[in-house]
Amino acid sequence: MSAALDASTSAPLAVVERSGWPESHHLGAAALVDADGALARALGDPEALIYPRSTLKLVQATAVELLGVVLDAEQTVLSSASHAGTPRHVAVVERMLADAGLDADALRCPADWPSDPAARRAASAPSRLTMNCSGKHAGFLAAAVAHGWDLESYLDPAHPVQQQVLALTAELSGDELVHLGVDGCGAPVPVLSLAGLARAASRAARSGTVLGDAIRANPWALDGPGRANTVTIERTGLVAKLGAEGVLVLVTPGGEAVAVKALDGSHRATTPVGLELLVREGLLARETADDTLAALADPWTTLRLAF
């Protein structure tokens, strides 16, 4: 069995320079798989185990779809989103709940402030609806309602919805699920290898899948205006999904996918590393990658890749 990613199984990813002086170094690992799931390129140990965190939402949303829940395109994206809590995002989540005959009281994610600055200023209190995972939870609840399953316990790993998610995770990743934790929103989250996470993302979000097509058509819904995932999707046509603690997946329309984990939990290097791996495999134009990174860059620092 592979072990957790650590310094010994990581590789240098990037160096951050300020005014021409190296300030921070990011270590981590990455795995790029082809459309058939075969490993094409790796940094560090691609079999090292990590929590996928919110990158798992691509699989969780697919499980909801396979459980027979019929959602429109915006709702489909919100079921996989780490959204910014704007009124537009919240309206879609409320519609998902209403279509299932529910309201925000049914959500079991913690209350949180919106991450969108304008929405946060306008909010009077934290809310479960503005918590970034509320769309995922609304999807879980819709599946439970559709099958007549218990609503109170929908986050229990033994609940039928979560059992479907875990079975699909193992199937799409090709990994044996050896450890199960609890994500920040209360949902179960297994550890996966970087290669397994890339395979799962590829199979869930390539072109021709319900989820992949919906995300590419509605990038605002997955994250938020000006935010990293939305900007990356808009400028590249990739599906981009961040997870907490420095995890990222990128999926091409053709099904090639890369999973990145920064060992220090920072996201500063993840998008640059993921885009660079796709460029070097001939899967993304250099100009497109550079344009995307320029839109996301910190004007006071320079990030230099270390591989």
Protein backbone atom coordinates (compact mmCIF):
# COMPACT_ATOMS: atom_id res chain seq x y z
CA MET A 1 0.00 0.00 0.00
CA SER A 2 1.30 3.47 -0.83
CA ALA A 3 1.95 5.94 1.96
CA ALA A 4 0.87 9.53 2.46
CA LEU A 5 2.67 12.14 0.40
CA ASP A 6 5.57 13.64 2.33
CA ALA A 7 8.85 15.45 1.65
CA SER A 8 10.62 12.26 0.62
CA THR A 9 8.05 11.50 -2.11
CA SER A 10 7.65 15.10 -3.26
CA ALA A 11 9.51 17.03 -5.95
CA PRO A 12 10.32 20.74 -6.24
CA LEU A 13 7.38 22.44 -7.94
CA ALA A 14 8.06 26.17 -7.90
CA VAL A 15 10.07 29.00 -6.38
CA VAL A 16 8.45 32.33 -5.54
CA GLU A 17 10.68 35.36 -5.97
CA ARG A 18 10.09 38.86 -4.67
CA SER A 19 12.11 41.70 -6.19
CA GLY A 20 14.48 39.15 -7.71
CA TRP A 21 15.10 37.22 -4.48
CA PRO A 22 13.80 33.69 -3.75
CA GLU A 23 11.28 33.92 -0.92
CA SER A 24 9.37 30.60 -0.84
CA HIS A 25 9.80 27.10 -2.24
CA HIS A 26 6.87 24.80 -2.96
CA LEU A 27 7.25 21.00 -2.95
CA GLY A 28 4.63 18.49 -4.00
CA ALA A 29 3.62 15.91 -6.54
CA ALA A 30 1.60 15.66 -9.72
CA ALA A 31 0.32 13.02 -12.08
CA LEU A 32 -0.83 13.44 -15.67
CA VAL A 33 -2.83 10.63 -17.26
CA ASP A 34 -3.94 10.10 -20.83
CA ALA A 35 -7.57 9.60 -21.86
CA ASP A 36 -7.29 5.88 -21.11
CA GLY A 37 -6.01 6.53 -17.61
CA ALA A 38 -2.39 5.55 -18.26
CA LEU A 39 0.26 7.62 -16.49
CA ALA A 40 1.95 9.95 -19.00
CA ARG A 41 4.07 12.18 -16.75
CA ALA A 42 4.71 12.57 -13.04
CA LEU A 43 6.43 14.82 -10.53
CA GLY A 44 7.25 13.16 -7.25
CA ASP A 45 5.43 9.92 -6.45
CA PRO A 46 2.16 9.66 -8.43
CA GLU A 47 1.02 6.81 -6.17
CA ALA A 48 1.44 8.76 -2.93
CA LEU A 49 -1.86 9.17 -1.10
CA ILE A 50 -3.61 12.47 -0.44
CA TYR A 51 -7.03 13.73 0.52
CA PRO A 52 -8.61 15.01 -2.73
CA ARG A 53 -10.77 17.45 -0.78
CA SER A 54 -13.12 19.39 -3.06
CA THR A 55 -11.65 17.98 -6.26
CA LEU A 56 -13.71 14.90 -5.28
CA LYS A 57 -16.83 16.96 -6.04
CA LEU A 58 -16.49 15.97 -9.70
CA VAL A 59 -17.07 12.35 -8.65
CA GLN A 60 -19.69 13.22 -6.03
CA ALA A 61 -21.73 15.16 -8.58
CA THR A 62 -21.44 12.30 -11.07
CA ALA A 63 -22.74 9.88 -8.42
CA VAL A 64 -25.77 12.12 -7.89
CA GLU A 65 -26.41 12.09 -11.63
CA LEU A 66 -26.08 8.29 -11.78
CA LEU A 67 -28.57 7.99 -8.92
CA GLY A 68 -31.15 9.40 -11.32
CA VAL A 69 -31.32 13.02 -10.18
CA VAL A 70 -32.22 15.23 -13.14
CA LEU A 71 -30.65 18.69 -12.90
CA ASP A 72 -30.35 21.53 -15.39
CA ALA A 73 -26.89 22.66 -16.46
CA GLU A 74 -26.44 25.32 -13.78
CA GLN A 75 -27.65 22.98 -11.06
CA THR A 76 -25.30 20.28 -12.34
CA VAL A 77 -22.34 22.62 -11.98
CA LEU A 78 -23.42 23.78 -8.52
CA SER A 79 -23.57 20.14 -7.41
CA SER A 80 -19.80 20.03 -8.04
CA ALA A 81 -18.92 23.60 -7.11
CA SER A 82 -16.85 25.32 -4.46
CA HIS A 83 -18.82 28.45 -5.14
CA ALA A 84 -18.19 32.02 -4.00
CA GLY A 85 -21.59 32.53 -2.40
CA THR A 86 -22.83 35.22 -4.77
CA PRO A 87 -26.60 35.79 -5.01
CA ARG A 88 -26.51 34.02 -8.39
CA HIS A 89 -24.93 30.93 -6.84
CA VAL A 90 -27.32 30.93 -3.90
CA ALA A 91 -30.33 31.23 -6.18
CA VAL A 92 -29.35 28.04 -8.00
CA VAL A 93 -28.85 26.13 -4.73
CA GLU A 94 -32.23 27.33 -3.47
CA ARG A 95 -33.80 26.14 -6.70
CA MET A 96 -32.16 22.72 -6.32
CA LEU A 97 -33.57 22.39 -2.83
CA ALA A 98 -37.02 23.63 -3.85
CA ASP A 99 -37.15 21.13 -6.73
CA ALA A 100 -36.60 18.40 -4.11
CA GLY A 101 -39.30 19.83 -1.86
CA LEU A 102 -36.74 21.13 0.65
CA ASP A 103 -35.25 24.36 1.94
CA ALA A 104 -31.99 25.44 3.56
CA ASP A 105 -32.95 23.84 6.88
CA ALA A 106 -32.26 20.42 5.32
CA LEU A 107 -28.58 21.27 4.66
CA ARG A 108 -26.04 19.74 7.05
CA CYS A 109 -23.00 21.70 5.85
CA PRO A 110 -21.74 24.32 8.34
CA ALA A 111 -22.80 27.93 7.98
CA ASP A 112 -20.17 30.18 6.43
CA TRP A 113 -19.71 33.65 5.01
CA PRO A 114 -19.60 34.09 1.23
CA SER A 115 -16.07 34.17 -0.17
CA ASP A 116 -17.06 36.72 -2.83
CA PRO A 117 -16.11 40.12 -1.35
CA ALA A 118 -19.27 41.96 -2.43
CA ALA A 119 -21.53 39.14 -1.25
CA ARG A 120 -19.67 38.99 2.06
CA ARG A 121 -20.15 42.74 2.64
CA ALA A 122 -23.86 42.38 1.92
CA ALA A 123 -24.36 39.35 4.17
CA SER A 124 -25.74 39.88 7.68
CA ALA A 125 -24.63 36.50 9.04
CA PRO A 126 -23.01 33.22 7.97
CA SER A 127 -25.38 30.87 6.17
CA ARG A 128 -25.44 27.27 5.06
CA LEU A 129 -26.54 28.50 1.62
CA THR A 130 -23.45 30.67 1.18
CA MET A 131 -21.10 27.93 2.41
CA ASN A 132 -19.08 26.93 -0.66
CA CYS A 133 -20.23 23.28 -0.58
CA SER A 134 -23.97 23.97 -0.34
CA GLY A 135 -24.61 22.92 -3.94
CA LYS A 136 -22.95 19.55 -3.35
CA HIS A 137 -25.09 19.03 -0.27
CA ALA A 138 -28.23 20.01 -2.19
CA GLY A 139 -27.31 17.34 -4.74
CA PHE A 140 -26.88 14.71 -2.02
CA LEU A 141 -30.28 15.66 -0.60
CA ALA A 142 -31.94 15.51 -4.03
CA ALA A 143 -30.62 11.97 -4.47
CA ALA A 144 -31.87 10.96 -1.02
CA VAL A 145 -35.33 12.40 -1.76
CA ALA A 146 -35.46 10.67 -5.15
CA HIS A 147 -34.92 7.27 -3.51
CA GLY A 148 -36.85 7.83 -0.30
CA TRP A 149 -33.69 7.60 1.81
CA ASP A 150 -33.20 9.27 5.19
CA LEU A 151 -32.40 12.97 4.98
CA GLU A 152 -30.95 13.58 8.43
CA SER A 153 -28.06 11.13 7.98
CA TYR A 154 -27.11 11.85 4.36
CA LEU A 155 -23.48 12.57 5.36
CA ASP A 156 -22.99 9.28 7.19
CA PRO A 157 -20.51 7.06 5.29
CA ALA A 158 -23.04 4.21 5.62
CA HIS A 159 -25.84 6.25 3.98
CA PRO A 160 -26.81 4.93 0.53
CA VAL A 161 -25.82 8.21 -1.15
CA GLN A 162 -22.33 8.09 0.34
CA GLN A 163 -22.00 4.41 -0.42
CA GLN A 164 -22.71 5.22 -4.07
CA VAL A 165 -20.11 8.00 -4.00
CA LEU A 166 -17.45 5.76 -2.50
CA ALA A 167 -18.15 2.91 -4.91
CA LEU A 168 -17.93 5.29 -7.87
CA THR A 169 -14.73 6.83 -6.50
CA ALA A 170 -13.09 3.41 -6.37
CA GLU A 171 -14.37 2.53 -9.85
CA LEU A 172 -13.28 5.74 -11.59
CA SER A 173 -9.94 6.09 -9.80
CA GLY A 174 -8.95 2.44 -9.93
CA ASP A 175 -7.73 2.82 -6.33
CA GLU A 176 -8.57 0.69 -3.32
CA LEU A 177 -10.03 3.03 -0.71
CA VAL A 178 -7.81 2.39 2.32
CA HIS A 179 -8.69 5.32 4.56
CA LEU A 180 -11.78 7.50 5.01
CA GLY A 181 -11.78 10.96 6.58
CA VAL A 182 -14.21 13.84 7.02
CA ASP A 183 -14.04 16.85 4.72
CA GLY A 184 -14.46 20.44 5.90
CA CYS A 185 -18.16 20.38 5.03
CA GLY A 186 -18.82 17.15 6.94
CA ALA A 187 -18.91 14.79 3.95
CA PRO A 188 -16.82 11.60 3.82
CA VAL A 189 -13.55 11.92 1.87
CA PRO A 190 -11.25 8.97 1.09
CA VAL A 191 -7.54 9.24 0.41
CA LEU A 192 -6.54 8.66 -3.22
CA SER A 193 -3.30 8.49 -5.17
CA LEU A 194 -2.50 11.44 -7.43
CA ALA A 195 -2.76 9.12 -10.43
CA GLY A 196 -6.08 7.74 -9.20
CA LEU A 197 -7.47 11.23 -8.66
CA ALA A 198 -6.44 12.23 -12.18
CA ARG A 199 -8.14 9.12 -13.60
CA ALA A 200 -11.34 9.82 -11.67
CA ALA A 201 -11.43 13.46 -12.76
CA SER A 202 -10.81 12.45 -16.38
CA ARG A 203 -13.72 10.04 -16.42
CA ALA A 204 -16.09 12.44 -14.66
CA ALA A 205 -15.41 15.69 -16.51
CA ARG A 206 -14.16 15.12 -20.05
CA SER A 207 -16.15 16.46 -23.00
CA GLY A 208 -19.28 14.42 -23.62
CA THR A 209 -20.04 13.88 -19.94
CA VAL A 210 -23.04 15.70 -18.51
CA LEU A 211 -20.87 17.32 -15.85
CA GLY A 212 -17.92 18.26 -18.05
CA ASP A 213 -20.13 19.86 -20.68
CA ALA A 214 -22.12 21.79 -18.06
CA ILE A 215 -18.98 23.16 -16.37
CA ARG A 216 -17.46 24.32 -19.66
CA ALA A 217 -20.71 26.07 -20.56
CA ASN A 218 -21.13 27.70 -17.10
CA PRO A 219 -17.67 28.38 -15.63
CA TRP A 220 -19.03 31.11 -13.34
CA ALA A 221 -21.02 28.54 -11.41
CA LEU A 222 -18.09 26.33 -10.39
CA ASP A 223 -16.18 29.07 -8.58
CA GLY A 224 -16.94 32.74 -9.17
CA PRO A 225 -16.12 35.80 -11.28
CA GLY A 226 -12.38 36.52 -11.35
CA ARG A 227 -11.56 33.43 -9.26
CA ALA A 228 -8.95 30.88 -10.27
CA ASN A 229 -11.13 28.02 -11.48
CA THR A 230 -13.53 30.24 -13.38
CA VAL A 231 -10.73 32.19 -15.07
CA THR A 232 -8.90 28.99 -16.02
CA ILE A 233 -12.00 27.38 -17.53
CA GLU A 234 -12.96 30.53 -19.43
CA ARG A 235 -9.51 31.00 -20.95
CA THR A 236 -8.48 27.39 -21.61
CA GLY A 237 -11.60 25.24 -22.08
CA LEU A 238 -10.27 22.89 -19.41
CA VAL A 239 -12.30 21.80 -16.41
CA ALA A 240 -10.37 23.19 -13.43
CA LYS A 241 -11.27 22.22 -9.86
CA LEU A 242 -9.40 23.24 -6.74
CA GLY A 243 -9.56 21.46 -3.42
CA ALA A 244 -8.48 22.70 -0.02
CA GLU A 245 -4.87 22.22 1.10
CA GLY A 246 -3.28 22.71 -2.29
CA VAL A 247 -5.05 20.17 -4.51
CA LEU A 248 -6.00 20.80 -8.15
CA VAL A 249 -7.31 18.79 -11.06
CA LEU A 250 -7.41 19.91 -14.69
CA VAL A 251 -9.26 17.92 -17.36
CA THR A 252 -9.00 18.46 -21.12
CA PRO A 253 -12.03 18.01 -23.37
CA GLY A 254 -10.34 14.88 -24.73
CA GLY A 255 -10.01 13.31 -21.29
CA GLU A 256 -6.36 13.85 -20.43
CA ALA A 257 -6.10 14.99 -16.83
CA VAL A 258 -3.57 16.22 -14.31
CA ALA A 259 -3.78 16.15 -10.50
CA VAL A 260 -1.48 18.35 -8.42
CA LYS A 261 -0.87 18.48 -4.66
CA ALA A 262 1.30 21.14 -3.02
CA LEU A 263 2.80 19.66 0.12
CA ASP A 264 2.49 22.92 2.06
CA GLY A 265 -1.23 23.24 1.27
CA SER A 266 -0.79 26.44 -0.73
CA HIS A 267 -2.53 27.01 -4.05
CA ARG A 268 0.06 29.48 -5.32
CA ALA A 269 1.83 26.89 -7.49
CA THR A 270 -0.94 24.44 -8.36
CA THR A 271 -2.46 26.10 -11.44
CA PRO A 272 0.94 27.05 -12.93
CA VAL A 273 2.23 23.50 -12.42
CA GLY A 274 -0.89 21.86 -13.86
CA LEU A 275 -0.97 24.10 -16.93
CA GLU A 276 2.76 23.62 -17.54
CA LEU A 277 2.43 19.83 -17.51
CA LEU A 278 -0.33 20.06 -20.11
CA VAL A 279 1.76 22.43 -22.24
CA ARG A 280 4.76 20.08 -22.18
CA GLU A 281 2.55 17.18 -23.29
CA GLY A 282 1.25 19.23 -26.22
CA LEU A 283 -2.24 19.37 -24.73
CA LEU A 284 -2.43 23.14 -24.23
CA ALA A 285 -0.95 26.02 -26.20
CA ARG A 286 1.84 27.93 -24.46
CA GLU A 287 0.17 31.24 -25.29
CA THR A 288 -3.10 30.10 -23.70
CA ALA A 289 -1.36 29.00 -20.52
CA ASP A 290 0.62 32.25 -20.30
CA ASP A 291 -2.51 34.32 -20.86
CA THR A 292 -4.33 32.46 -18.09
CA LEU A 293 -1.48 32.80 -15.60
CA ALA A 294 -1.11 36.49 -16.39
CA ALA A 295 -4.75 37.00 -15.43
CA LEU A 296 -4.15 35.29 -12.09
CA ALA A 297 -0.69 36.65 -11.26
CA ASP A 298 0.34 38.52 -8.12
CA PRO A 299 1.90 41.79 -9.36
CA TRP A 300 4.50 41.83 -6.56
CA THR A 301 5.96 38.34 -6.95
CA THR A 302 7.25 36.07 -9.68
CA LEU A 303 6.62 32.33 -9.63
CA ARG A 304 9.33 30.28 -11.31
CA LEU A 305 8.68 26.61 -12.00
CA ALA A 306 11.29 24.26 -10.58
CA PHE A 307 11.03 21.32 -13.01
